[in-house]
Amino acid sequence: MKKRFSFLFLLFFAFSARASIVLPEVLSENMVLQQNSVIKIWGTSTQKKNVTVRVSWTTTVFSTTCKSDGTFEISIFTPKGSFEKHTISVSDGIPLTLKNILVGEVWFCAGQSNMAMSFSGYRNQPIANAKEEMEKAKEENGIRMFNVEKTATYALTNTIKGKWLVSNSKNLAAFSVVAYYYAQQLQKSLHVPIGIINSSYGGSTIEGWLNQSTVQKYTDYPYTTNIPDSLSQLRPSVMFQGMVRPYRNVRVKGFIWYQGEGNVGRSATYAQKLQDLAYLWRFTFDDPNLPFYAVEIAPYLYESSSEPAKIREAAFKATNELANAGIVCTNDLVPAAEANCIHPSVKKPIGERLGNLSLLKTYHFDTIPALSPEFDHFELTVDSIILFFKNSYEGLQHQGDISGFELGNAAHEFHPVHARIGLKNNTVVIPLEKGTSFHSVRYCFKNYQVGNVKNSVGLPLFPFRTDTWLE
């Protein structure tokens, strides 16, 4: 009888030890915490008692009382980032200890398949230099990634599923390539660990990343659209509900966004929706100043010639009108051999450009030349059009003849034209033959057209147009 009692006691104790504190999976071993900030530790306790948190970087003990349903939330401060490995112990009488924790910078990276694309690539669509990168990642370098489990549900949920991965040769195959190179670029200047929360869903539309009330402001994508389960990623609000909102307690430094392909065909509302998304996410994460950086969708031979260009234009407009925001150009990264590939193989420059943009605008490394040239205005002379550009740095440049410029006539027909760098190195001159009437000039304003004009630091000129024609 005594042995049986002892056995039952041990069984009960073991069960209680396993079932006491439950934390969301984003709060787990190998995670990266935002440095120099106040973060939240939250979860549930079956004991429904006081909960204490002890961390290895301070002797301060943090405590709170569970609510009647067993949930708790407690705020703790974090130190300056370093590569020192920390521990966190959460206890309601039965401690749960998390190990191998780093403190540094944490970014939330989201979008569709080009953001999700990992070093393993897609079928018949590899990543350039993937093998070499995976072989190099043999040791822990302080870059870690949490891949958010794909969720497409209308139901409000607080469920968090995923796992923090350290960046070694085994795990790199599951890392978002753009996000990894972004983290690498940040680390070169910041010298702290970088944590990435990768919340991406291939084929998703921007409406899926917005909440219901925002989607219902528009008429081009009805919230009640009947979409089958096989295409659940096309449903409005589902990614926001399941892949953004549950992470609102995580302290992040900002957002990276690579999406737009799924909205080709509905460009008219994209600029406003992208701004709405930035405002919504900032509100959701309780910080109206969080940075928001986007990637221009890459050149690709879509069925429509001008719609993809209008999506790029809309994203450019939206991010340029937002505070603490920006966008990087990808016009030079897709060779003709990949014109029919929606997932171009060259991703490293995208991550590097995003990193430099963040270093310039968020971390105030003012000497980093991170901006692509962009159209400013034009002047019309008797025999030429003079185009003026911002962010040329030491001047515009090109290899071979300049390509990508077109002039439009009164019938809205466009034809390639000769162009040259002007005497002022931030200008491009387009000669006008006698009798030529000027109605519009465009640069790479198509589904797929790769130009060759760059600034002095090698960043490509953003596609643009001077007209507002609808076709």
Protein backbone atom coordinates (compact mmCIF):
# COMPACT_ATOMS: atom_id res chain seq x y z
CA MET A 1 0.00 0.00 0.00
CA LYS A 2 2.84 2.34 0.90
CA LYS A 3 4.61 1.62 -2.39
CA ARG A 4 1.40 2.28 -4.29
CA PHE A 5 0.93 5.60 -2.47
CA SER A 6 4.52 6.60 -3.25
CA PHE A 7 4.06 5.69 -6.92
CA LEU A 8 0.83 7.73 -7.22
CA PHE A 9 2.47 10.69 -5.47
CA LEU A 10 5.42 10.63 -7.86
CA LEU A 11 3.07 10.28 -10.83
CA PHE A 12 1.02 13.25 -9.65
CA PHE A 13 4.18 15.30 -9.05
CA ALA A 14 5.55 14.48 -12.50
CA PHE A 15 2.24 15.41 -14.13
CA SER A 16 2.10 18.69 -12.20
CA ALA A 17 5.68 19.55 -13.14
CA ARG A 18 4.89 19.07 -16.82
CA ALA A 19 1.59 20.88 -16.78
CA SER A 20 2.39 24.00 -14.77
CA ILE A 21 3.74 26.99 -16.78
CA VAL A 22 2.90 27.11 -20.48
CA LEU A 23 4.55 29.79 -22.63
CA PRO A 24 3.86 30.62 -26.28
CA GLU A 25 6.39 28.94 -28.55
CA VAL A 26 7.87 32.29 -29.58
CA LEU A 27 9.10 32.50 -25.96
CA SER A 28 11.42 29.53 -26.04
CA GLU A 29 15.05 28.48 -26.03
CA ASN A 30 17.30 30.03 -28.70
CA MET A 31 15.13 33.16 -28.97
CA VAL A 32 16.44 36.68 -29.47
CA LEU A 33 15.02 39.53 -27.37
CA GLN A 34 14.93 43.20 -28.33
CA GLN A 35 17.74 45.04 -26.59
CA ASN A 36 17.38 48.10 -24.34
CA SER A 37 13.63 47.74 -24.08
CA VAL A 38 10.77 46.49 -21.94
CA ILE A 39 9.53 43.11 -23.14
CA LYS A 40 6.62 40.92 -22.09
CA ILE A 41 6.68 37.38 -20.76
CA TRP A 42 3.20 35.89 -20.96
CA GLY A 43 1.50 32.53 -20.75
CA THR A 44 -0.68 30.38 -18.49
CA SER A 45 -0.28 28.56 -15.22
CA THR A 46 -2.38 25.62 -14.09
CA GLN A 47 -1.38 26.51 -10.53
CA LYS A 48 -3.05 29.95 -10.88
CA LYS A 49 -0.64 31.39 -8.35
CA ASN A 50 1.89 34.18 -8.27
CA VAL A 51 4.40 33.95 -11.12
CA THR A 52 8.00 35.08 -10.80
CA VAL A 53 10.56 35.67 -13.54
CA ARG A 54 14.31 35.58 -12.97
CA VAL A 55 16.77 36.51 -15.71
CA SER A 56 20.51 36.08 -15.87
CA TRP A 57 21.32 39.72 -16.64
CA THR A 58 19.99 41.18 -13.39
CA THR A 59 19.32 40.14 -9.81
CA THR A 60 15.92 41.85 -9.92
CA VAL A 61 13.03 39.41 -9.48
CA PHE A 62 9.91 40.22 -11.51
CA SER A 63 6.53 38.98 -10.30
CA THR A 64 2.83 39.14 -11.04
CA THR A 65 -0.41 37.43 -10.05
CA CYS A 66 -2.27 35.11 -12.39
CA LYS A 67 -5.76 36.05 -13.48
CA SER A 68 -8.64 33.77 -12.55
CA ASP A 69 -8.24 31.86 -15.83
CA GLY A 70 -4.57 31.20 -15.12
CA THR A 71 -3.18 33.68 -17.67
CA PHE A 72 -0.39 36.05 -16.73
CA GLU A 73 1.68 38.79 -18.30
CA ILE A 74 4.75 40.41 -16.84
CA SER A 75 7.09 43.10 -18.15
CA ILE A 76 10.86 42.91 -17.77
CA PHE A 77 13.68 45.10 -19.05
CA THR A 78 16.45 43.93 -21.34
CA PRO A 79 20.10 45.03 -21.40
CA LYS A 80 22.27 46.21 -24.27
CA GLY A 81 22.68 43.53 -26.92
CA SER A 82 25.62 41.14 -26.80
CA PHE A 83 26.55 37.59 -27.73
CA GLU A 84 26.42 36.48 -24.11
CA LYS A 85 24.01 33.58 -23.70
CA HIS A 86 21.30 34.19 -21.11
CA THR A 87 18.67 32.19 -19.25
CA ILE A 88 15.14 33.04 -18.14
CA SER A 89 13.31 31.13 -15.41
CA VAL A 90 9.52 31.44 -15.08
CA SER A 91 7.99 29.87 -11.98
CA ASP A 92 4.68 29.49 -10.18
CA GLY A 93 6.34 27.16 -7.71
CA ILE A 94 7.48 24.81 -10.47
CA PRO A 95 10.14 26.58 -12.56
CA LEU A 96 10.43 26.52 -16.34
CA THR A 97 13.90 27.55 -17.51
CA LEU A 98 14.75 28.79 -21.00
CA LYS A 99 18.38 28.63 -22.09
CA ASN A 100 20.61 29.91 -24.90
CA ILE A 101 18.83 33.26 -25.16
CA LEU A 102 20.45 36.24 -26.88
CA VAL A 103 19.67 39.95 -26.67
CA GLY A 104 19.96 42.08 -29.80
CA GLU A 105 17.64 43.41 -32.52
CA VAL A 106 14.36 41.72 -33.54
CA TRP A 107 12.59 42.34 -36.87
CA PHE A 108 9.22 41.07 -38.11
CA CYS A 109 9.52 40.03 -41.77
CA ALA A 110 6.38 39.23 -43.76
CA GLY A 111 4.94 38.82 -47.23
CA GLN A 112 4.41 36.12 -49.79
CA SER A 113 6.60 33.52 -51.49
CA ASN A 114 9.62 35.70 -52.30
CA MET A 115 9.94 36.53 -48.61
CA ALA A 116 9.21 32.95 -47.57
CA MET A 117 11.71 31.48 -50.08
CA SER A 118 14.41 29.65 -48.14
CA PHE A 119 17.89 28.47 -49.06
CA SER A 120 16.38 25.16 -50.16
CA GLY A 121 14.66 27.05 -52.99
CA TYR A 122 11.56 25.92 -54.85
CA ARG A 123 11.18 23.21 -57.47
CA ASN A 124 13.40 24.10 -60.43
CA GLN A 125 13.93 27.51 -58.81
CA PRO A 126 17.17 27.49 -56.81
CA ILE A 127 18.79 30.25 -54.77
CA ALA A 128 22.05 31.64 -56.10
CA ASN A 129 25.06 30.42 -54.05
CA ALA A 130 22.80 28.55 -51.60
CA LYS A 131 25.17 25.61 -51.16
CA GLU A 132 28.11 27.86 -50.35
CA GLU A 133 26.08 29.86 -47.83
CA MET A 134 24.85 26.74 -46.06
CA GLU A 135 28.36 25.33 -45.87
CA LYS A 136 29.67 28.58 -44.37
CA ALA A 137 27.01 28.63 -41.64
CA LYS A 138 28.78 26.03 -39.53
CA GLU A 139 28.86 27.93 -36.25
CA GLU A 140 26.31 29.99 -34.32
CA ASN A 141 26.64 33.56 -35.55
CA GLY A 142 23.92 35.23 -33.53
CA ILE A 143 21.34 35.25 -36.33
CA ARG A 144 18.22 33.31 -35.40
CA MET A 145 14.87 32.86 -37.08
CA PHE A 146 11.38 31.98 -35.91
CA ASN A 147 9.27 30.67 -38.80
CA VAL A 148 5.61 31.39 -38.10
CA GLU A 149 3.43 28.41 -38.92
CA LYS A 150 1.22 29.14 -41.93
CA THR A 151 -2.31 29.88 -40.76
CA ALA A 152 -5.29 30.98 -42.83
CA THR A 153 -8.30 31.19 -40.53
CA TYR A 154 -11.02 33.75 -39.96
CA ALA A 155 -11.15 32.89 -36.26
CA LEU A 156 -9.46 35.16 -33.75
CA THR A 157 -6.63 33.19 -32.20
CA ASN A 158 -3.75 33.67 -29.80
CA THR A 159 -2.14 30.40 -30.78
CA ILE A 160 1.55 30.66 -31.61
CA LYS A 161 3.34 27.78 -33.29
CA GLY A 162 6.90 27.70 -34.49
CA LYS A 163 10.47 27.22 -33.36
CA TRP A 164 13.52 29.44 -32.99
CA LEU A 165 16.33 28.16 -35.20
CA VAL A 166 20.01 28.98 -34.88
CA SER A 167 21.77 29.67 -38.16
CA ASN A 168 23.92 26.61 -38.76
CA SER A 169 24.43 24.53 -41.90
CA LYS A 170 21.59 22.19 -40.96
CA ASN A 171 19.00 24.88 -40.28
CA LEU A 172 19.83 27.41 -42.99
CA ALA A 173 17.76 25.47 -45.53
CA ALA A 174 14.68 26.66 -43.59
CA PHE A 175 15.75 30.31 -43.35
CA SER A 176 14.12 33.04 -45.44
CA VAL A 177 16.94 34.09 -47.77
CA VAL A 178 15.97 37.76 -47.93
CA ALA A 179 15.55 37.95 -44.15
CA TYR A 180 18.84 36.13 -43.48
CA TYR A 181 20.87 38.45 -45.73
CA TYR A 182 19.03 41.37 -44.15
CA ALA A 183 20.12 40.18 -40.70
CA GLN A 184 23.69 39.70 -41.91
CA GLN A 185 23.83 43.25 -43.24
CA LEU A 186 22.51 44.70 -39.98
CA GLN A 187 24.98 42.67 -37.98
CA LYS A 188 27.98 44.02 -39.90
CA SER A 189 27.35 47.47 -38.44
CA LEU A 190 25.43 46.80 -35.23
CA HIS A 191 27.58 43.91 -33.93
CA VAL A 192 24.72 42.36 -31.96
CA PRO A 193 22.56 39.25 -32.42
CA ILE A 194 19.68 39.58 -34.89
CA GLY A 195 16.36 37.80 -34.44
CA ILE A 196 13.92 37.41 -37.33
CA ILE A 197 10.25 36.49 -36.99
CA ASN A 198 9.43 35.25 -40.49
CA SER A 199 5.68 35.41 -41.10
CA SER A 200 5.20 34.69 -44.80
CA TYR A 201 2.60 32.90 -46.90
CA GLY A 202 3.12 32.20 -50.61
CA GLY A 203 0.39 33.47 -52.91
CA SER A 204 -1.19 35.69 -50.27
CA THR A 205 -2.74 39.07 -51.03
CA ILE A 206 -2.34 42.23 -49.01
CA GLU A 207 -5.99 41.91 -47.92
CA GLY A 208 -5.09 38.73 -46.05
CA TRP A 209 -2.71 40.73 -43.86
CA LEU A 210 -5.28 43.41 -42.96
CA ASN A 211 -8.06 43.22 -40.38
CA GLN A 212 -11.74 42.97 -41.29
CA SER A 213 -12.65 46.62 -40.74
CA THR A 214 -9.82 47.77 -43.00
CA VAL A 215 -10.69 45.37 -45.81
CA GLN A 216 -14.33 46.47 -45.67
CA LYS A 217 -13.31 50.05 -46.47
CA TYR A 218 -12.74 48.92 -50.07
CA THR A 219 -15.01 47.47 -52.73
CA ASP A 220 -12.49 45.71 -54.97
CA TYR A 221 -12.00 42.68 -52.68
CA PRO A 222 -15.22 41.93 -50.75
CA TYR A 223 -14.73 40.48 -47.30
CA THR A 224 -17.48 37.96 -47.99
CA THR A 225 -15.74 36.61 -51.10
CA ASN A 226 -16.35 32.85 -51.31
CA ILE A 227 -12.88 31.30 -51.44
CA PRO A 228 -12.39 27.51 -51.18
CA ASP A 229 -10.23 25.89 -48.53
CA SER A 230 -7.64 24.97 -51.15
CA LEU A 231 -6.99 28.70 -51.68
CA SER A 232 -7.42 29.80 -48.09
CA GLN A 233 -4.36 32.08 -48.32
CA LEU A 234 -6.45 34.33 -50.59
CA ARG A 235 -9.06 34.99 -47.91
CA PRO A 236 -9.08 38.49 -46.44
CA SER A 237 -7.78 39.03 -42.90
CA VAL A 238 -6.74 35.41 -42.29
CA MET A 239 -2.99 36.05 -42.09
CA PHE A 240 -3.50 39.07 -39.87
CA GLN A 241 -5.64 37.00 -37.49
CA GLY A 242 -3.32 34.01 -37.33
CA MET A 243 0.17 35.20 -38.32
CA VAL A 244 0.45 38.82 -37.12
CA ARG A 245 -1.94 39.60 -34.27
CA PRO A 246 -0.85 36.66 -32.01
CA TYR A 247 2.69 38.15 -31.97
CA ARG A 248 1.60 41.57 -30.74
CA ASN A 249 3.26 41.05 -27.33
CA VAL A 250 6.67 40.52 -28.92
CA ARG A 251 8.84 43.62 -28.83
CA VAL A 252 10.16 44.19 -32.35
CA LYS A 253 12.30 46.91 -33.87
CA GLY A 254 10.30 47.14 -37.10
CA PHE A 255 8.79 45.44 -40.14
CA ILE A 256 10.08 44.20 -43.49
CA TRP A 257 7.49 43.60 -46.23
CA TYR A 258 7.92 41.75 -49.56
CA GLN A 259 4.54 41.32 -51.24
CA GLY A 260 2.57 42.66 -54.17
CA GLU A 261 2.54 39.90 -56.77
CA GLY A 262 -0.79 38.69 -55.38
CA ASN A 263 -2.35 42.11 -56.00
CA VAL A 264 -1.38 42.52 -59.63
CA GLY A 265 -4.65 43.40 -61.34
CA ARG A 266 -5.88 45.52 -58.44
CA SER A 267 -3.25 48.23 -58.30
CA ALA A 268 -5.67 51.14 -57.83
CA THR A 269 -6.08 50.49 -54.09
CA TYR A 270 -2.66 49.06 -53.30
CA ALA A 271 -0.95 52.27 -52.15
CA GLN A 272 -3.65 53.08 -49.61
CA LYS A 273 -3.88 49.48 -48.44
CA LEU A 274 -0.13 49.33 -47.90
CA GLN A 275 -0.28 52.46 -45.78
CA ASP A 276 -3.26 51.02 -43.89
CA LEU A 277 -1.23 47.88 -43.26
CA ALA A 278 1.67 49.85 -41.80
CA TYR A 279 -0.67 51.83 -39.54
CA LEU A 280 -2.54 48.68 -38.46
CA TRP A 281 0.60 46.74 -37.60
CA ARG A 282 2.09 49.66 -35.71
CA PHE A 283 -1.13 49.93 -33.70
CA THR A 284 -1.21 46.16 -33.15
CA PHE A 285 2.35 46.16 -31.81
CA ASP A 286 1.59 49.27 -29.73
CA ASP A 287 4.19 51.57 -31.30
CA PRO A 288 3.12 54.18 -33.90
CA ASN A 289 6.72 54.84 -34.93
CA LEU A 290 7.85 51.34 -35.88
CA PRO A 291 9.85 51.40 -39.13
CA PHE A 292 8.32 49.80 -42.22
CA TYR A 293 10.52 48.84 -45.18
CA ALA A 294 9.27 47.22 -48.38
CA VAL A 295 10.69 45.48 -51.43
CA GLU A 296 9.64 46.41 -54.96
CA ILE A 297 8.23 43.36 -56.77
CA ALA A 298 10.74 42.05 -59.28
CA PRO A 299 10.49 42.22 -63.09
CA TYR A 300 8.45 39.30 -64.43
CA LEU A 301 6.46 38.62 -67.61
CA TYR A 302 2.98 38.87 -66.13
CA GLU A 303 0.02 38.62 -68.50
CA SER A 304 -0.60 42.32 -68.01
CA SER A 305 2.12 44.68 -69.17
CA SER A 306 1.36 47.76 -67.07
CA GLU A 307 -0.38 46.38 -63.92
CA PRO A 308 2.84 45.12 -62.26
CA ALA A 309 4.43 48.50 -62.94
CA LYS A 310 1.49 50.17 -61.22
CA ILE A 311 1.92 47.92 -58.17
CA ARG A 312 5.57 49.02 -57.98
CA GLU A 313 4.49 52.63 -58.38
CA ALA A 314 1.86 52.24 -55.64
CA ALA A 315 4.33 50.66 -53.20
CA PHE A 316 6.85 53.42 -53.95
CA LYS A 317 4.21 56.11 -53.39
CA ALA A 318 2.92 54.55 -50.17
CA THR A 319 6.30 54.11 -48.51
CA ASN A 320 7.53 57.56 -49.56
CA GLU A 321 4.49 59.18 -47.95
CA LEU A 322 4.85 57.19 -44.71
CA ALA A 323 7.06 58.30 -41.84
CA ASN A 324 9.82 55.86 -40.89
CA ALA A 325 9.40 53.92 -44.11
CA GLY A 326 11.14 53.18 -47.38
CA ILE A 327 11.46 50.75 -50.27
CA VAL A 328 14.30 49.10 -52.18
CA CYS A 329 14.48 48.70 -55.95
CA THR A 330 14.95 45.28 -57.61
CA ASN A 331 14.92 46.35 -61.27
CA ASP A 332 18.46 45.14 -61.97
CA LEU A 333 18.26 41.70 -60.35
CA VAL A 334 16.37 39.60 -62.93
CA PRO A 335 18.27 38.61 -66.10
CA ALA A 336 16.41 37.76 -69.30
CA ALA A 337 16.84 34.04 -68.61
CA GLU A 338 14.61 34.45 -65.52
CA ALA A 339 11.98 36.71 -67.08
CA ASN A 340 9.41 33.92 -66.65
CA CYS A 341 10.48 33.05 -63.10
CA ILE A 342 8.32 34.58 -60.38
CA HIS A 343 10.99 33.63 -57.82
CA PRO A 344 14.30 35.08 -59.07
CA SER A 345 17.42 33.33 -57.81
CA VAL A 346 19.34 36.46 -56.76
CA LYS A 347 18.18 37.44 -53.29
CA LYS A 348 21.33 38.59 -51.49
CA PRO A 349 21.31 42.17 -52.85
CA ILE A 350 17.70 42.57 -51.72
CA GLY A 351 18.58 41.70 -48.13
CA GLU A 352 21.67 43.90 -48.27
CA ARG A 353 19.74 46.86 -49.67
CA LEU A 354 17.06 46.46 -47.00
CA GLY A 355 19.77 46.26 -44.37
CA ASN A 356 21.49 49.41 -45.57
CA LEU A 357 18.16 51.25 -45.77
CA SER A 358 17.43 50.30 -42.15
CA LEU A 359 20.93 51.23 -41.04
CA LEU A 360 20.52 54.65 -42.64
CA LYS A 361 16.96 55.47 -41.58
CA THR A 362 16.45 53.56 -38.34
CA TYR A 363 19.94 53.28 -36.88
CA HIS A 364 21.19 56.62 -38.28
CA PHE A 365 24.37 55.45 -39.98
CA ASP A 366 24.38 58.60 -42.06
CA THR A 367 27.43 57.67 -44.12
CA ILE A 368 25.79 54.58 -45.65
CA PRO A 369 24.60 55.37 -49.22
CA ALA A 370 21.41 53.29 -49.19
CA LEU A 371 19.04 55.15 -51.53
CA SER A 372 18.29 54.31 -55.15
CA PRO A 373 17.98 57.19 -57.62
CA GLU A 374 14.41 58.33 -58.19
CA PHE A 375 12.73 60.69 -60.65
CA ASP A 376 12.27 64.24 -59.39
CA HIS A 377 11.10 66.46 -62.27
CA PHE A 378 11.76 67.29 -65.91
CA GLU A 379 12.42 70.39 -67.97
CA LEU A 380 11.46 70.73 -71.63
CA THR A 381 13.79 72.61 -74.00
CA VAL A 382 13.54 73.29 -77.71
CA ASP A 383 15.22 70.04 -78.68
CA SER A 384 15.30 67.79 -75.62
CA ILE A 385 13.78 66.63 -72.35
CA ILE A 386 16.00 66.97 -69.30
CA LEU A 387 15.10 64.56 -66.47
CA PHE A 388 16.31 65.33 -62.95
CA PHE A 389 16.89 62.66 -60.31
CA LYS A 390 17.36 62.48 -56.55
CA ASN A 391 19.89 60.28 -54.76
CA SER A 392 22.46 60.12 -57.57
CA TYR A 393 25.26 60.65 -54.99
CA GLU A 394 28.38 61.28 -57.14
CA GLY A 395 26.39 60.97 -60.34
CA LEU A 396 24.37 58.62 -62.52
CA GLN A 397 26.14 55.89 -64.48
CA HIS A 398 25.46 53.11 -66.95
CA GLN A 399 27.20 50.39 -68.96
CA GLY A 400 26.80 50.49 -72.73
CA ASP A 401 23.91 52.40 -74.24
CA ILE A 402 21.25 53.57 -71.80
CA SER A 403 18.20 51.32 -71.99
CA GLY A 404 14.72 51.51 -70.55
CA PHE A 405 13.47 54.98 -71.55
CA GLU A 406 10.38 55.37 -73.75
CA LEU A 407 8.37 58.32 -75.06
CA GLY A 408 4.60 58.23 -75.35
CA ASN A 409 2.61 59.99 -78.07
CA ALA A 410 -0.90 61.41 -78.08
CA ALA A 411 -2.33 57.96 -78.80
CA HIS A 412 -0.62 56.63 -75.64
CA GLU A 413 1.78 54.53 -77.71
CA PHE A 414 5.32 54.16 -76.38
CA HIS A 415 8.58 53.76 -78.29
CA PRO A 416 12.17 53.31 -77.03
CA VAL A 417 14.34 56.41 -77.28
CA HIS A 418 18.01 57.26 -77.08
CA ALA A 419 19.14 58.87 -73.83
CA ARG A 420 22.40 60.11 -72.33
CA ILE A 421 23.70 61.36 -68.99
CA GLY A 422 23.50 65.16 -68.87
CA LEU A 423 26.20 67.69 -68.06
CA LYS A 424 24.77 67.78 -64.58
CA ASN A 425 25.45 64.28 -63.33
CA ASN A 426 22.02 63.96 -61.74
CA THR A 427 20.26 64.34 -65.10
CA VAL A 428 19.36 62.28 -68.15
CA VAL A 429 18.82 63.99 -71.50
CA ILE A 430 16.45 62.65 -74.15
CA PRO A 431 16.92 64.43 -77.53
CA LEU A 432 13.72 65.32 -79.39
CA GLU A 433 13.71 65.14 -83.16
CA LYS A 434 12.25 68.13 -84.94
CA GLY A 435 8.46 67.97 -84.95
CA THR A 436 8.27 65.41 -82.12
CA SER A 437 5.51 66.14 -79.63
CA PHE A 438 6.14 65.15 -76.05
CA HIS A 439 3.31 63.63 -74.01
CA SER A 440 4.96 61.25 -71.55
CA VAL A 441 8.24 59.61 -70.65
CA ARG A 442 8.55 56.28 -68.91
CA TYR A 443 11.44 54.24 -67.58
CA CYS A 444 11.06 50.45 -67.22
CA PHE A 445 7.35 50.93 -66.59
CA LYS A 446 6.39 47.42 -67.71
CA ASN A 447 5.90 43.96 -66.31
CA TYR A 448 9.44 42.99 -67.33
CA GLN A 449 11.97 45.58 -68.43
CA VAL A 450 15.45 45.80 -66.98
CA GLY A 451 17.15 49.18 -67.20
CA ASN A 452 20.82 49.96 -66.72
CA VAL A 453 20.88 53.39 -65.08
CA LYS A 454 22.35 53.40 -61.57
CA ASN A 455 23.82 55.91 -59.16
CA SER A 456 27.48 56.08 -58.24
CA VAL A 457 27.12 53.38 -55.55
CA GLY A 458 25.51 50.94 -57.99
CA LEU A 459 21.88 51.17 -56.89
CA PRO A 460 19.34 50.97 -59.75
CA LEU A 461 16.97 53.74 -60.82
CA PHE A 462 13.38 53.22 -59.72
CA PRO A 463 10.95 52.68 -62.64
CA PHE A 464 8.69 55.70 -63.16
CA ARG A 465 6.33 57.51 -65.51
CA THR A 466 5.36 61.14 -65.96
CA ASP A 467 1.77 60.39 -67.04
CA THR A 468 -1.25 59.13 -65.13
CA TRP A 469 -2.86 57.27 -68.01
CA LEU A 470 -5.04 54.36 -66.96
CA GLU A 471 -3.87 51.73 -69.46
